[in-house]
Amino acid sequence: MVVPAGEEGCRVVVKLVGRQPHGAVGRLLLQPTVPWLDLFMMRRQLLNLKELAERDARA
């Protein structure tokens, strides 16, 4: 969701939603690690989007 932030800016708000893994292996290994990995990848994508938006705004 894009939220206005002042006259010349905005914020992108994201929500991470996922299913709970099944089985003991999923609960022990995937449940604690997948959200952190997804957060890392999402942050990289959002920073890239920010750079592209700022570059286009200067042009």
N, C-alpha and C. Protein backbone atom coordinates (compact mmCIF):
# COMPACT_ATOMS: atom_id res chain seq x y z
N MET A 1 0.85 -1.15 0.00
CA MET A 1 0.00 0.00 0.00
C MET A 1 0.91 1.23 0.00
N VAL A 2 0.58 2.21 -0.80
CA VAL A 2 1.34 3.46 -0.86
C VAL A 2 0.62 4.50 -0.02
N VAL A 3 1.34 5.10 0.93
CA VAL A 3 0.77 6.07 1.86
C VAL A 3 1.49 7.40 1.66
N PRO A 4 0.75 8.50 1.48
CA PRO A 4 1.42 9.80 1.34
C PRO A 4 2.21 10.16 2.60
N ALA A 5 3.37 10.81 2.38
CA ALA A 5 4.21 11.25 3.49
C ALA A 5 4.73 12.64 3.15
N GLY A 6 3.95 13.63 3.46
CA GLY A 6 4.33 15.00 3.12
C GLY A 6 3.90 15.34 1.70
N GLU A 7 4.34 16.51 1.24
CA GLU A 7 3.93 16.97 -0.08
C GLU A 7 4.69 16.29 -1.21
N GLU A 8 5.93 15.90 -0.97
CA GLU A 8 6.74 15.36 -2.06
C GLU A 8 7.18 13.92 -1.83
N GLY A 9 6.54 13.21 -0.94
CA GLY A 9 6.99 11.86 -0.66
C GLY A 9 5.85 10.91 -0.39
N CYS A 10 6.20 9.65 -0.28
CA CYS A 10 5.23 8.62 0.06
C CYS A 10 5.98 7.46 0.72
N ARG A 11 5.21 6.59 1.34
CA ARG A 11 5.78 5.40 1.98
C ARG A 11 5.09 4.18 1.40
N VAL A 12 5.83 3.12 1.21
CA VAL A 12 5.26 1.85 0.78
C VAL A 12 5.19 0.96 2.01
N VAL A 13 3.98 0.52 2.35
CA VAL A 13 3.77 -0.32 3.52
C VAL A 13 3.48 -1.73 3.01
N VAL A 14 4.21 -2.71 3.53
CA VAL A 14 4.03 -4.09 3.10
C VAL A 14 3.63 -4.95 4.29
N LYS A 15 2.99 -6.07 3.98
CA LYS A 15 2.57 -7.01 5.01
C LYS A 15 2.99 -8.40 4.57
N LEU A 16 3.65 -9.11 5.44
CA LEU A 16 4.10 -10.47 5.15
C LEU A 16 3.08 -11.45 5.69
N VAL A 17 2.51 -12.25 4.80
CA VAL A 17 1.51 -13.25 5.17
C VAL A 17 1.98 -14.60 4.63
N GLY A 18 1.93 -15.61 5.44
CA GLY A 18 2.35 -16.93 4.98
C GLY A 18 1.64 -18.04 5.74
N ARG A 19 1.77 -19.22 5.22
CA ARG A 19 1.17 -20.40 5.86
C ARG A 19 2.17 -21.01 6.84
N GLN A 20 1.64 -21.65 7.84
CA GLN A 20 2.49 -22.37 8.79
C GLN A 20 2.96 -23.67 8.14
N PRO A 21 4.25 -23.99 8.22
CA PRO A 21 4.74 -25.25 7.64
C PRO A 21 4.19 -26.46 8.39
N HIS A 22 4.03 -27.55 7.66
CA HIS A 22 3.52 -28.80 8.26
C HIS A 22 4.69 -29.69 8.64
N GLY A 23 4.49 -30.51 9.62
CA GLY A 23 5.50 -31.48 10.04
C GLY A 23 6.53 -30.89 10.98
N ALA A 24 7.26 -31.79 11.63
CA ALA A 24 8.25 -31.36 12.62
C ALA A 24 9.41 -30.62 11.97
N VAL A 25 9.86 -31.08 10.81
CA VAL A 25 10.99 -30.43 10.14
C VAL A 25 10.60 -29.01 9.73
N GLY A 26 9.42 -28.85 9.20
CA GLY A 26 8.95 -27.53 8.80
C GLY A 26 8.85 -26.58 9.98
N ARG A 27 8.33 -27.07 11.08
CA ARG A 27 8.20 -26.21 12.27
C ARG A 27 9.55 -25.85 12.86
N LEU A 28 10.49 -26.79 12.86
CA LEU A 28 11.79 -26.53 13.47
C LEU A 28 12.72 -25.70 12.59
N LEU A 29 12.70 -25.95 11.28
CA LEU A 29 13.65 -25.29 10.39
C LEU A 29 13.05 -24.12 9.61
N LEU A 30 11.90 -24.34 9.01
CA LEU A 30 11.35 -23.33 8.12
C LEU A 30 10.65 -22.19 8.85
N GLN A 31 9.90 -22.51 9.87
CA GLN A 31 9.12 -21.48 10.55
C GLN A 31 9.98 -20.33 11.07
N PRO A 32 11.13 -20.57 11.69
CA PRO A 32 11.92 -19.42 12.16
C PRO A 32 12.75 -18.74 11.08
N THR A 33 13.08 -19.43 9.98
CA THR A 33 14.00 -18.84 9.01
C THR A 33 13.33 -18.19 7.82
N VAL A 34 12.24 -18.72 7.33
CA VAL A 34 11.62 -18.20 6.10
C VAL A 34 11.19 -16.74 6.25
N PRO A 35 10.54 -16.32 7.33
CA PRO A 35 10.17 -14.90 7.43
C PRO A 35 11.38 -13.96 7.37
N TRP A 36 12.49 -14.35 8.00
CA TRP A 36 13.68 -13.49 7.97
C TRP A 36 14.28 -13.41 6.57
N LEU A 37 14.31 -14.53 5.87
CA LEU A 37 14.82 -14.52 4.49
C LEU A 37 13.92 -13.70 3.59
N ASP A 38 12.61 -13.84 3.77
CA ASP A 38 11.67 -13.07 2.96
C ASP A 38 11.80 -11.58 3.27
N LEU A 39 11.98 -11.24 4.53
CA LEU A 39 12.17 -9.84 4.91
C LEU A 39 13.42 -9.27 4.26
N PHE A 40 14.50 -10.03 4.25
CA PHE A 40 15.75 -9.60 3.61
C PHE A 40 15.54 -9.33 2.12
N MET A 41 14.88 -10.27 1.42
CA MET A 41 14.64 -10.10 -0.02
C MET A 41 13.69 -8.94 -0.29
N MET A 42 12.65 -8.80 0.53
CA MET A 42 11.68 -7.72 0.35
C MET A 42 12.35 -6.36 0.56
N ARG A 43 13.21 -6.27 1.55
CA ARG A 43 13.92 -5.01 1.82
C ARG A 43 14.77 -4.63 0.62
N ARG A 44 15.47 -5.59 0.03
CA ARG A 44 16.31 -5.32 -1.14
C ARG A 44 15.45 -4.83 -2.30
N GLN A 45 14.29 -5.43 -2.53
CA GLN A 45 13.40 -5.02 -3.60
C GLN A 45 12.87 -3.61 -3.36
N LEU A 46 12.52 -3.30 -2.11
CA LEU A 46 11.99 -1.97 -1.80
C LEU A 46 13.07 -0.90 -1.94
N LEU A 47 14.30 -1.21 -1.55
CA LEU A 47 15.39 -0.25 -1.74
C LEU A 47 15.66 -0.01 -3.22
N ASN A 48 15.56 -1.05 -4.03
CA ASN A 48 15.73 -0.91 -5.47
C ASN A 48 14.60 -0.05 -6.05
N LEU A 49 13.38 -0.27 -5.61
CA LEU A 49 12.25 0.54 -6.05
C LEU A 49 12.45 2.00 -5.67
N LYS A 50 12.96 2.24 -4.47
CA LYS A 50 13.24 3.60 -4.02
C LYS A 50 14.27 4.28 -4.92
N GLU A 51 15.35 3.57 -5.23
CA GLU A 51 16.38 4.14 -6.10
C GLU A 51 15.83 4.48 -7.47
N LEU A 52 15.02 3.60 -8.04
CA LEU A 52 14.44 3.85 -9.35
C LEU A 52 13.49 5.04 -9.32
N ALA A 53 12.68 5.13 -8.28
CA ALA A 53 11.73 6.25 -8.17
C ALA A 53 12.46 7.57 -8.02
N GLU A 54 13.51 7.59 -7.21
CA GLU A 54 14.27 8.83 -7.03
C GLU A 54 15.00 9.21 -8.31
N ARG A 55 15.50 8.23 -9.03
CA ARG A 55 16.18 8.52 -10.30
C ARG A 55 15.20 9.11 -11.31
N ASP A 56 14.00 8.53 -11.39
CA ASP A 56 12.99 9.06 -12.32
C ASP A 56 12.51 10.44 -11.91
N ALA A 57 12.46 10.71 -10.62
CA ALA A 57 12.01 12.03 -10.15
C ALA A 57 13.02 13.12 -10.51
N ARG A 58 14.31 12.77 -10.54
CA ARG A 58 15.34 13.74 -10.91
C ARG A 58 15.34 14.03 -12.40
N ALA A 59 14.93 13.06 -13.20
CA ALA A 59 14.99 13.21 -14.67
C ALA A 59 13.90 14.11 -15.20
